[in-house]
């Protein structure tokens, strides 16, 4: 399987992380939209949207959602019509696909006839060919070089290697539920709350979930003084 595909999948799986700078790069879950009508599908581009529905991938590129590709491509076709004053279209829907924007707001475009990625700088610019297929383009985003060592994108990718195997707080709660079927419910809820508090004390969503489990337990029995203290700590942290 291609490296970029695996990396994107990992980014989707860590959505909601509090790790900095990893949390900067928000990547959407896979798209449920259909491929746009009238555009020849590119296998790598289609595969991209099977694993994520766009998002900020590096500081340089913001990939648009699949449902917006048709609208953005047609809009740019209209914006660039008669750009050279000859009445001709620069960007042609069906041949060109706008799938991302760079950090300057210029459209990143796939040319279906040549399987090449290029950009167009409308503000006094022209075509900027990347001389890469889509597969080569997306792969290059994940390749680090010595001059990129301080780029927070590559710092985030290094973090990704460390956090990708860490279970989510939802996974942790489900695991305890599955392993504790013979215990009273209130005891199970307290176990979950304490484990979430121990493992995810810097994650507000996890702390809120822990507080919810404490409240479930409270409905079944009166909490001990220790449990009440935990509840108060959770309330303070969740509201911080």
Foldseek 3Di string as FASTA:
>chain_A
DDPLLVLLLLLQVCAQDPDPPLNVWHWAAADPDDADPLADDDVVVVSVNRGTQWTRQFLFKTWHGRVCFVVVQVVVQVVCQCLVVPRHTPRDPRQKIFTIATNVRWTWIAGNVVQFIWTQDSPPTGIGTPPDHVVRVSSVSQDDDPVCPPRSSNVSSVVSVVCSPPDDLVVQLVVLCVVPVPDDLLVSLQVSLVVLCVPPVVRLVSLVSSLVSLVVSCVVDPDDPVSVVSNVVSVVSNVD
